[in-house]
Amino acid sequence: MKSFEVNVHHLTRVEGHGNIVVNVKEGRIEELRLEIVESPRFFEMMLKGRRWDEAAAITARICGICALGHTTASVLATEAATGMVPDEETVLLRKLLVHGETIQSHILHLYFLVAPDLLGVGSVIPLAETHPEVVKRALRLKKLANYMCDLLIGRKVHPIAYVPGGFTRWPEKKDFLTVHQALLDAREDLEATVELLAGIPMPDLTRETEYLALKDPKEYALYTGDIASTLGQVSPPHTYRERIQEWVAPHSAAKHVKAQKDAFAVGALARFNVNHAMLRPWAKQVAERIGLRGPSHNPFHNNLAQLVEAVHCYEDAIEIAAELSRRSYRHERQKPVRFGRGVGATEVPRGTLYHDYTYDKDGYILEANCIIPTGQNLANIEKDMEALVTKVIDKPQDEIRHSFEMLVRAYDPCISCATHFLDVRFV
């Protein structure tokens, strides 16, 4: 039996800092860890004592990629705690914004973080020299998604107009028409993206695991929904503490999370496995073309699911933008009718995000809890690393190392997000 060691400090082409440690002696795993080595930032502690109308602006700063996702989860939690019920137009605009963020994040990951692995280069820089049009296409698609957020609610990241009860400013009809046309103009770039990635095979690694994602009987759930498992259980967001449990791993500055039985996965592949029947028509065609069928238990297929979701969000965004441009609507923000506890659950690009706030009678936060998708995936990544050992044990050392790096990158981890929420007593 072969022996090998993998020591990656720090993993490149992911957000944040993480190490990979694998030590195999004569076919037996002696060490295997995905070390999360960033210092925690204690956003939950920052929220304590803050007003109900401050939480979303604070938590948006958790991430520069999923800022709108954190805003959404925060707003949903506050609305659940205060009895505010957004109207149909408000929900439609929120869904349009979620689609934009999902597109830009998936495009960023596929082109700039994953494509170099699949094309055999160390980064996107060589691709800019050898395939400049491919890189320009990626930048155009990412710019489109950021432009949508900027035009509609005032900023590319860390949105300022998206608040509990609605929006501080409602876009004009011409803004929705502009977004609609910009989306139509991007069709060729998205088609070319499908062409590019459809011809690149993904590594083969199958390990059955539980997948969790939000589910909505009427649509492919991204904005919100009930917590659904590929094992069959479905429950509302406020039951999340019954569905998942956090625990502290000694080698990680981010908590690990397990479901009722064991490690589980969230993210684009989890959503696809739970919701693929609800995809838009073109997205279904793309899934069929690239051979992605649910349920898939290959973690590398998370990248394929991201491509399918980008197409789905594109299709749905076109329809929503057109619908909002046709409506005559005067927006009125809701106001709190009570204060208590509320849970918000939404799907960000990397998986299900939970925000949980308890307010006092005057609308100030007493307790806050946030559970990040990457933290939910950490234990499952290590399970996949164990399965990968037998697949790569006879390969050259450089290829072994690269395979472990690719596996972790396939999950699209946002490590800095996950390290915010370690309890003070463990520091």
Protein backbone atom coordinates (compact mmCIF):
# COMPACT_ATOMS: atom_id res chain seq x y z
CA MET A 1 0.00 0.00 0.00
CA LYS A 2 1.21 3.48 -0.84
CA SER A 3 1.98 6.27 1.62
CA PHE A 4 1.72 9.98 0.97
CA GLU A 5 1.44 13.35 2.69
CA VAL A 6 -0.43 16.46 1.62
CA ASN A 7 0.25 19.76 3.36
CA VAL A 8 -1.33 22.77 1.69
CA HIS A 9 -0.74 26.13 3.42
CA HIS A 10 -2.80 28.10 2.33
CA LEU A 11 -5.28 26.80 -0.21
CA THR A 12 -5.47 29.12 -3.20
CA ARG A 13 -8.47 30.23 -5.25
CA VAL A 14 -10.91 30.15 -2.36
CA GLU A 15 -12.23 32.99 -0.24
CA GLY A 16 -10.31 33.06 3.05
CA HIS A 17 -7.54 30.94 4.54
CA GLY A 18 -7.59 27.19 4.98
CA ASN A 19 -5.04 24.38 5.13
CA ILE A 20 -5.30 20.80 3.89
CA VAL A 21 -3.49 18.14 5.92
CA VAL A 22 -3.57 14.49 4.84
CA ASN A 23 -1.14 11.83 6.08
CA VAL A 24 -1.55 8.27 4.74
CA LYS A 25 0.79 5.47 5.87
CA GLU A 26 0.62 2.13 4.08
CA GLY A 27 -2.94 2.80 2.97
CA ARG A 28 -4.17 3.90 6.40
CA ILE A 29 -5.27 7.47 7.13
CA GLU A 30 -3.34 8.82 10.11
CA GLU A 31 -4.26 12.50 9.72
CA LEU A 32 -6.93 14.18 7.64
CA ARG A 33 -8.06 17.75 8.29
CA LEU A 34 -9.36 20.82 6.56
CA GLU A 35 -7.95 23.42 8.92
CA ILE A 36 -9.77 26.75 9.13
CA VAL A 37 -7.13 29.12 10.46
CA GLU A 38 -8.71 32.58 10.32
CA SER A 39 -9.58 34.50 13.45
CA PRO A 40 -13.30 34.78 14.22
CA ARG A 41 -14.95 38.19 13.90
CA PHE A 42 -17.91 37.87 16.30
CA PHE A 43 -20.66 39.45 14.24
CA GLU A 44 -23.27 37.86 16.50
CA MET A 45 -21.81 39.75 19.44
CA MET A 46 -21.82 42.97 17.40
CA LEU A 47 -25.56 42.59 16.88
CA LYS A 48 -26.45 42.47 20.56
CA GLY A 49 -28.04 45.71 21.69
CA ARG A 50 -28.60 47.01 18.13
CA ARG A 51 -31.99 48.20 16.85
CA TRP A 52 -34.21 46.18 14.55
CA ASP A 53 -33.46 48.54 11.65
CA GLU A 54 -29.66 48.22 12.04
CA ALA A 55 -29.19 44.45 11.80
CA ALA A 56 -29.33 44.09 8.02
CA ALA A 57 -26.77 46.85 7.39
CA ILE A 58 -24.39 45.24 9.89
CA THR A 59 -24.69 41.66 8.69
CA ALA A 60 -24.36 42.66 5.03
CA ARG A 61 -20.71 43.38 5.90
CA ILE A 62 -20.13 39.72 6.76
CA CYS A 63 -19.34 39.07 3.10
CA GLY A 64 -18.54 41.05 -0.03
CA ILE A 65 -19.79 38.25 -2.29
CA CYS A 66 -23.00 37.25 -0.50
CA ALA A 67 -23.79 40.68 0.99
CA LEU A 68 -27.27 40.64 -0.47
CA GLY A 69 -27.84 37.09 0.82
CA HIS A 70 -26.97 38.13 4.36
CA THR A 71 -29.23 41.16 3.96
CA THR A 72 -32.05 38.86 2.85
CA ALA A 73 -31.63 36.43 5.75
CA SER A 74 -31.40 39.32 8.20
CA VAL A 75 -34.48 41.06 6.81
CA LEU A 76 -36.48 37.82 6.83
CA ALA A 77 -35.52 37.19 10.46
CA THR A 78 -36.49 40.71 11.52
CA GLU A 79 -39.77 40.55 9.63
CA ALA A 80 -40.62 37.22 11.27
CA ALA A 81 -39.83 38.72 14.67
CA THR A 82 -41.82 41.91 14.12
CA GLY A 83 -44.85 40.72 12.17
CA MET A 84 -44.04 42.66 9.02
CA VAL A 85 -45.35 40.98 5.85
CA PRO A 86 -43.86 42.27 2.58
CA ASP A 87 -46.20 42.66 -0.40
CA GLU A 88 -45.93 40.79 -3.70
CA GLU A 89 -43.95 43.46 -5.55
CA THR A 90 -41.42 43.70 -2.73
CA VAL A 91 -40.89 39.94 -2.82
CA LEU A 92 -40.50 39.98 -6.61
CA LEU A 93 -37.79 42.65 -6.43
CA ARG A 94 -35.99 40.70 -3.71
CA LYS A 95 -36.06 37.58 -5.87
CA LEU A 96 -34.68 39.55 -8.82
CA LEU A 97 -31.79 40.76 -6.65
CA VAL A 98 -31.13 37.23 -5.36
CA HIS A 99 -30.91 36.02 -8.95
CA GLY A 100 -28.35 38.70 -9.74
CA GLU A 101 -26.16 37.78 -6.79
CA THR A 102 -26.39 34.07 -7.60
CA ILE A 103 -25.33 34.67 -11.20
CA GLN A 104 -22.34 36.85 -10.30
CA SER A 105 -21.10 34.47 -7.60
CA HIS A 106 -21.44 31.34 -9.74
CA ILE A 107 -19.74 33.02 -12.69
CA LEU A 108 -16.92 34.20 -10.43
CA HIS A 109 -16.39 30.68 -9.11
CA LEU A 110 -16.67 28.83 -12.41
CA TYR A 111 -14.46 31.12 -14.49
CA PHE A 112 -11.90 32.43 -12.03
CA LEU A 113 -11.56 29.70 -9.39
CA VAL A 114 -12.52 26.39 -11.06
CA ALA A 115 -11.70 26.85 -14.76
CA PRO A 116 -7.92 27.06 -14.15
CA ASP A 117 -8.09 23.57 -12.58
CA LEU A 118 -10.08 22.15 -15.46
CA LEU A 119 -7.84 23.77 -18.09
CA GLY A 120 -4.55 22.87 -16.40
CA VAL A 121 -3.26 26.32 -15.43
CA GLY A 122 -2.42 27.83 -12.07
CA SER A 123 -4.75 30.83 -12.19
CA VAL A 124 -6.91 32.94 -14.45
CA ILE A 125 -3.90 35.10 -15.40
CA PRO A 126 -2.55 32.70 -18.06
CA LEU A 127 -6.10 32.38 -19.43
CA ALA A 128 -6.24 36.14 -19.87
CA GLU A 129 -3.24 35.79 -22.19
CA THR A 130 -4.27 32.63 -24.07
CA HIS A 131 -8.07 33.03 -24.03
CA PRO A 132 -8.76 36.76 -23.57
CA GLU A 133 -12.30 36.60 -24.95
CA VAL A 134 -13.23 33.92 -22.40
CA VAL A 135 -12.03 36.09 -19.53
CA LYS A 136 -13.75 39.18 -20.95
CA ARG A 137 -16.97 37.18 -21.19
CA ALA A 138 -16.71 36.24 -17.54
CA LEU A 139 -16.14 39.85 -16.56
CA ARG A 140 -19.15 40.99 -18.60
CA LEU A 141 -21.46 38.50 -16.92
CA LYS A 142 -20.21 39.36 -13.46
CA LYS A 143 -20.51 43.08 -14.20
CA LEU A 144 -24.10 42.58 -15.36
CA ALA A 145 -25.14 41.02 -12.06
CA ASN A 146 -23.44 43.75 -10.01
CA TYR A 147 -25.00 46.41 -12.24
CA MET A 148 -28.48 45.03 -11.50
CA CYS A 149 -27.97 45.53 -7.77
CA ASP A 150 -26.42 48.95 -8.23
CA LEU A 151 -29.20 50.27 -10.47
CA LEU A 152 -32.10 48.85 -8.50
CA ILE A 153 -31.07 49.45 -4.86
CA GLY A 154 -28.15 51.80 -4.90
CA ARG A 155 -24.93 49.84 -4.52
CA LYS A 156 -23.11 46.92 -6.15
CA VAL A 157 -22.41 45.27 -2.78
CA HIS A 158 -23.60 45.95 0.77
CA PRO A 159 -27.01 47.20 -0.39
CA ILE A 160 -28.41 50.29 1.31
CA ALA A 161 -32.03 50.41 0.11
CA TYR A 162 -32.98 46.81 1.08
CA VAL A 163 -34.47 47.00 4.59
CA PRO A 164 -37.02 45.22 6.81
CA GLY A 165 -40.53 45.94 5.59
CA GLY A 166 -39.52 46.81 2.03
CA PHE A 167 -37.12 49.27 0.40
CA THR A 168 -36.11 52.85 1.19
CA ARG A 169 -36.38 53.65 -2.52
CA TRP A 170 -38.43 51.91 -5.19
CA PRO A 171 -36.91 51.69 -8.70
CA GLU A 172 -38.57 53.45 -11.59
CA LYS A 173 -40.15 51.50 -14.42
CA LYS A 174 -37.32 52.48 -16.74
CA ASP A 175 -34.88 50.81 -14.33
CA PHE A 176 -36.66 47.49 -14.67
CA LEU A 177 -36.74 47.90 -18.45
CA THR A 178 -33.00 48.63 -18.45
CA VAL A 179 -32.30 45.50 -16.43
CA HIS A 180 -34.57 43.45 -18.69
CA GLN A 181 -32.71 44.58 -21.81
CA ALA A 182 -29.30 44.06 -20.19
CA LEU A 183 -30.28 40.48 -19.38
CA LEU A 184 -31.48 39.85 -22.93
CA ASP A 185 -28.19 41.23 -24.26
CA ALA A 186 -26.24 38.79 -22.08
CA ARG A 187 -27.81 35.68 -23.59
CA GLU A 188 -24.95 35.09 -26.02
CA ASP A 189 -22.34 35.22 -23.24
CA LEU A 190 -24.28 32.73 -21.13
CA GLU A 191 -24.73 30.41 -24.10
CA ALA A 192 -20.99 30.52 -24.70
CA THR A 193 -20.40 29.72 -21.04
CA VAL A 194 -22.54 26.61 -21.35
CA GLU A 195 -20.65 25.61 -24.51
CA LEU A 196 -17.31 26.01 -22.75
CA LEU A 197 -18.14 24.05 -19.60
CA ALA A 198 -20.24 21.37 -21.28
CA GLY A 199 -17.16 20.00 -22.98
CA ILE A 200 -15.01 19.68 -19.85
CA PRO A 201 -15.36 16.45 -17.83
CA MET A 202 -15.54 16.64 -14.05
CA PRO A 203 -13.55 14.32 -11.75
CA ASP A 204 -15.37 11.19 -10.64
CA LEU A 205 -15.99 10.82 -6.90
CA THR A 206 -19.20 9.36 -5.54
CA ARG A 207 -20.02 9.21 -1.83
CA GLU A 208 -23.62 9.15 -0.71
CA THR A 209 -24.50 11.87 1.75
CA GLU A 210 -27.52 13.83 2.92
CA TYR A 211 -28.26 17.10 1.14
CA LEU A 212 -30.23 19.94 2.72
CA ALA A 213 -31.78 22.87 0.86
CA LEU A 214 -34.81 25.08 1.03
CA LYS A 215 -37.89 23.92 -0.86
CA ASP A 216 -40.92 25.75 -2.21
CA PRO A 217 -43.80 23.87 -3.89
CA LYS A 218 -44.24 26.66 -6.45
CA GLU A 219 -40.68 27.39 -7.57
CA TYR A 220 -36.99 26.57 -7.41
CA ALA A 221 -36.36 27.84 -3.87
CA LEU A 222 -33.73 30.54 -3.51
CA TYR A 223 -35.40 33.48 -1.74
CA THR A 224 -36.84 31.34 1.06
CA GLY A 225 -38.73 28.11 1.76
CA ASP A 226 -38.92 25.13 4.08
CA ILE A 227 -35.88 23.04 5.07
CA ALA A 228 -35.88 19.89 2.93
CA SER A 229 -33.62 16.84 2.97
CA THR A 230 -32.88 14.32 0.25
CA LEU A 231 -33.80 11.78 2.93
CA GLY A 232 -37.36 13.12 2.87
CA GLN A 233 -37.96 15.35 5.90
CA VAL A 234 -39.38 18.86 5.36
CA SER A 235 -39.90 21.46 8.10
CA PRO A 236 -40.21 25.28 8.42
CA PRO A 237 -37.14 27.49 8.94
CA HIS A 238 -37.73 28.09 12.66
CA THR A 239 -37.05 24.36 13.26
CA TYR A 240 -33.44 24.64 12.07
CA ARG A 241 -32.04 23.91 15.55
CA GLU A 242 -33.88 20.58 15.47
CA ARG A 243 -32.49 19.75 12.03
CA ILE A 244 -28.82 20.72 12.43
CA GLN A 245 -26.42 21.00 15.35
CA GLU A 246 -23.16 22.94 15.57
CA TRP A 247 -20.07 21.58 17.29
CA VAL A 248 -16.50 22.75 17.72
CA ALA A 249 -13.69 20.91 15.93
CA PRO A 250 -10.27 21.54 17.51
CA HIS A 251 -8.61 22.25 14.17
CA SER A 252 -11.19 24.75 12.92
CA ALA A 253 -11.91 28.36 13.80
CA ALA A 254 -15.35 27.78 12.31
CA LYS A 255 -17.89 25.45 13.86
CA HIS A 256 -18.70 22.18 12.15
CA VAL A 257 -22.34 21.24 11.68
CA LYS A 258 -24.10 17.90 11.47
CA ALA A 259 -27.64 16.84 10.70
CA GLN A 260 -29.52 14.27 12.72
CA LYS A 261 -27.37 11.39 11.48
CA ASP A 262 -24.05 12.74 10.27
CA ALA A 263 -22.34 15.30 8.05
CA PHE A 264 -24.39 16.77 5.23
CA ALA A 265 -23.95 19.13 2.30
CA VAL A 266 -25.56 22.40 1.22
CA GLY A 267 -25.02 24.50 -1.89
CA ALA A 268 -25.88 24.43 -5.58
CA LEU A 269 -25.77 20.63 -5.84
CA ALA A 270 -27.95 20.26 -2.74
CA ARG A 271 -30.48 22.67 -4.22
CA PHE A 272 -30.40 20.84 -7.53
CA ASN A 273 -30.94 17.48 -5.82
CA VAL A 274 -33.91 18.84 -3.87
CA ASN A 275 -35.46 21.15 -6.49
CA HIS A 276 -34.37 20.10 -10.00
CA ALA A 277 -37.95 19.43 -11.09
CA MET A 278 -38.67 23.17 -10.61
CA LEU A 279 -35.93 24.44 -12.94
CA ARG A 280 -36.74 26.76 -15.82
CA PRO A 281 -36.88 25.10 -19.29
CA TRP A 282 -33.46 26.21 -20.57
CA ALA A 283 -31.85 25.26 -17.26
CA LYS A 284 -33.38 21.78 -17.55
CA GLN A 285 -31.96 21.48 -21.07
CA VAL A 286 -28.52 22.52 -19.86
CA ALA A 287 -28.64 19.96 -17.04
CA GLU A 288 -29.53 17.25 -19.51
CA ARG A 289 -26.80 18.30 -21.92
CA ILE A 290 -24.03 18.26 -19.33
CA GLY A 291 -25.24 14.98 -17.82
CA LEU A 292 -26.33 16.33 -14.44
CA ARG A 293 -29.17 14.24 -13.07
CA GLY A 294 -30.61 14.27 -9.57
CA PRO A 295 -29.74 13.04 -7.17
CA SER A 296 -26.00 13.30 -7.76
CA HIS A 297 -23.56 12.38 -5.00
CA ASN A 298 -20.42 13.60 -6.74
CA PRO A 299 -19.19 16.77 -4.95
CA PHE A 300 -17.47 17.94 -8.14
CA HIS A 301 -20.92 18.17 -9.71
CA ASN A 302 -21.51 21.20 -7.51
CA ASN A 303 -19.75 23.13 -10.29
CA LEU A 304 -22.19 21.75 -12.88
CA ALA A 305 -25.11 22.65 -10.62
CA GLN A 306 -23.77 26.20 -10.40
CA LEU A 307 -23.87 26.45 -14.18
CA VAL A 308 -27.44 25.15 -14.27
CA GLU A 309 -28.49 27.58 -11.54
CA ALA A 310 -26.91 30.52 -13.36
CA VAL A 311 -29.05 29.69 -16.38
CA HIS A 312 -32.16 29.23 -14.22
CA CYS A 313 -31.63 32.57 -12.46
CA TYR A 314 -31.06 34.27 -15.79
CA GLU A 315 -34.35 32.94 -17.19
CA ASP A 316 -36.34 33.79 -14.07
CA ALA A 317 -34.77 37.26 -13.76
CA ILE A 318 -35.85 38.17 -17.29
CA GLU A 319 -39.45 37.30 -16.46
CA ILE A 320 -39.45 39.13 -13.12
CA ALA A 321 -37.88 42.29 -14.57
CA ALA A 322 -40.48 42.34 -17.35
CA GLU A 323 -43.32 41.80 -14.87
CA LEU A 324 -42.18 44.58 -12.55
CA SER A 325 -41.81 46.98 -15.49
CA ARG A 326 -45.48 46.43 -16.36
CA ARG A 327 -46.90 47.07 -12.90
CA SER A 328 -48.22 50.35 -11.58
CA TYR A 329 -47.14 50.29 -7.97
CA ARG A 330 -46.61 52.71 -5.12
CA HIS A 331 -44.32 51.21 -2.53
CA GLU A 332 -45.05 51.61 1.18
CA ARG A 333 -42.66 50.16 3.74
CA GLN A 334 -44.13 48.00 6.50
CA LYS A 335 -43.64 48.87 10.16
CA PRO A 336 -43.15 46.52 13.15
CA VAL A 337 -46.33 45.38 14.89
CA ARG A 338 -44.60 43.44 17.69
CA PHE A 339 -41.14 42.34 18.81
CA GLY A 340 -40.04 38.79 19.58
CA ARG A 341 -37.97 36.04 18.00
CA GLY A 342 -37.68 35.47 14.28
CA VAL A 343 -35.72 33.12 12.01
CA GLY A 344 -34.79 33.95 8.44
CA ALA A 345 -33.60 31.26 6.02
CA THR A 346 -32.48 31.94 2.47
CA GLU A 347 -30.28 30.30 -0.15
CA VAL A 348 -27.03 32.08 -0.88
CA PRO A 349 -24.74 30.76 -3.63
CA ARG A 350 -22.89 28.45 -1.21
CA GLY A 351 -25.97 27.03 0.49
CA THR A 352 -28.63 27.64 3.13
CA LEU A 353 -28.05 30.62 5.40
CA TYR A 354 -29.81 31.11 8.74
CA HIS A 355 -30.21 34.30 10.78
CA ASP A 356 -32.00 34.05 14.13
CA TYR A 357 -32.75 37.17 16.23
CA THR A 358 -34.55 37.72 19.53
CA TYR A 359 -35.69 41.30 20.21
CA ASP A 360 -36.71 42.92 23.47
CA LYS A 361 -39.98 44.86 23.76
CA ASP A 362 -38.31 48.03 22.48
CA GLY A 363 -36.85 46.42 19.35
CA TYR A 364 -33.25 45.86 20.45
CA ILE A 365 -31.49 42.55 19.84
CA LEU A 366 -31.06 40.32 22.90
CA GLU A 367 -29.65 37.25 21.13
CA ALA A 368 -28.42 36.55 17.61
CA ASN A 369 -27.36 33.37 15.86
CA CYS A 370 -26.12 32.98 12.29
CA ILE A 371 -25.21 29.68 10.63
CA ILE A 372 -23.18 29.96 7.43
CA PRO A 373 -23.23 27.48 4.50
CA THR A 374 -19.47 26.86 4.48
CA GLY A 375 -19.57 25.91 8.16
CA GLN A 376 -22.31 23.42 7.35
CA ASN A 377 -20.15 21.87 4.63
CA LEU A 378 -16.86 21.51 6.55
CA ALA A 379 -17.53 18.09 8.09
CA ASN A 380 -18.83 16.77 4.79
CA ILE A 381 -15.77 18.02 2.93
CA GLU A 382 -13.59 15.98 5.29
CA LYS A 383 -15.77 12.90 4.64
CA ASP A 384 -15.24 13.42 0.91
CA MET A 385 -11.51 13.83 1.50
CA GLU A 386 -11.50 10.41 3.16
CA ALA A 387 -13.25 8.92 0.14
CA LEU A 388 -10.80 10.62 -2.20
CA VAL A 389 -7.81 8.92 -0.59
CA THR A 390 -8.57 5.55 -2.21
CA LYS A 391 -9.17 7.21 -5.58
CA VAL A 392 -5.80 8.95 -5.74
CA ILE A 393 -3.48 6.72 -3.67
CA ASP A 394 -1.67 5.35 -6.72
CA LYS A 395 -1.23 8.69 -8.45
CA PRO A 396 1.88 10.92 -8.47
CA GLN A 397 2.34 13.19 -5.45
CA ASP A 398 1.62 16.43 -7.35
CA GLU A 399 -1.58 14.98 -8.77
CA ILE A 400 -2.67 13.79 -5.32
CA ARG A 401 -2.18 17.25 -3.87
CA HIS A 402 -4.00 18.89 -6.74
CA SER A 403 -6.95 16.49 -6.39
CA PHE A 404 -7.49 17.48 -2.76
CA GLU A 405 -7.27 21.16 -3.65
CA MET A 406 -9.83 20.71 -6.43
CA LEU A 407 -12.19 18.87 -4.09
CA VAL A 408 -12.25 21.67 -1.54
CA ARG A 409 -12.59 24.31 -4.27
CA ALA A 410 -15.56 22.42 -5.75
CA TYR A 411 -17.57 23.38 -2.67
CA ASP A 412 -16.84 27.07 -3.35
CA PRO A 413 -16.07 27.71 0.34
CA CYS A 414 -16.34 31.18 1.82
CA ILE A 415 -14.04 30.62 4.78
CA SER A 416 -14.07 34.14 6.19
CA CYS A 417 -17.87 34.04 6.43
CA ALA A 418 -17.75 30.78 8.37
CA THR A 419 -15.24 32.02 10.95
CA HIS A 420 -17.44 34.82 12.28
CA PHE A 421 -19.49 32.71 14.56
CA LEU A 422 -17.30 30.89 17.05
CA ASP A 423 -18.49 31.36 20.65
CA VAL A 424 -16.31 33.63 22.78
CA ARG A 425 -15.73 30.92 25.38
CA PHE A 426 -13.76 28.84 22.88
CA VAL A 427 -11.26 31.56 21.96
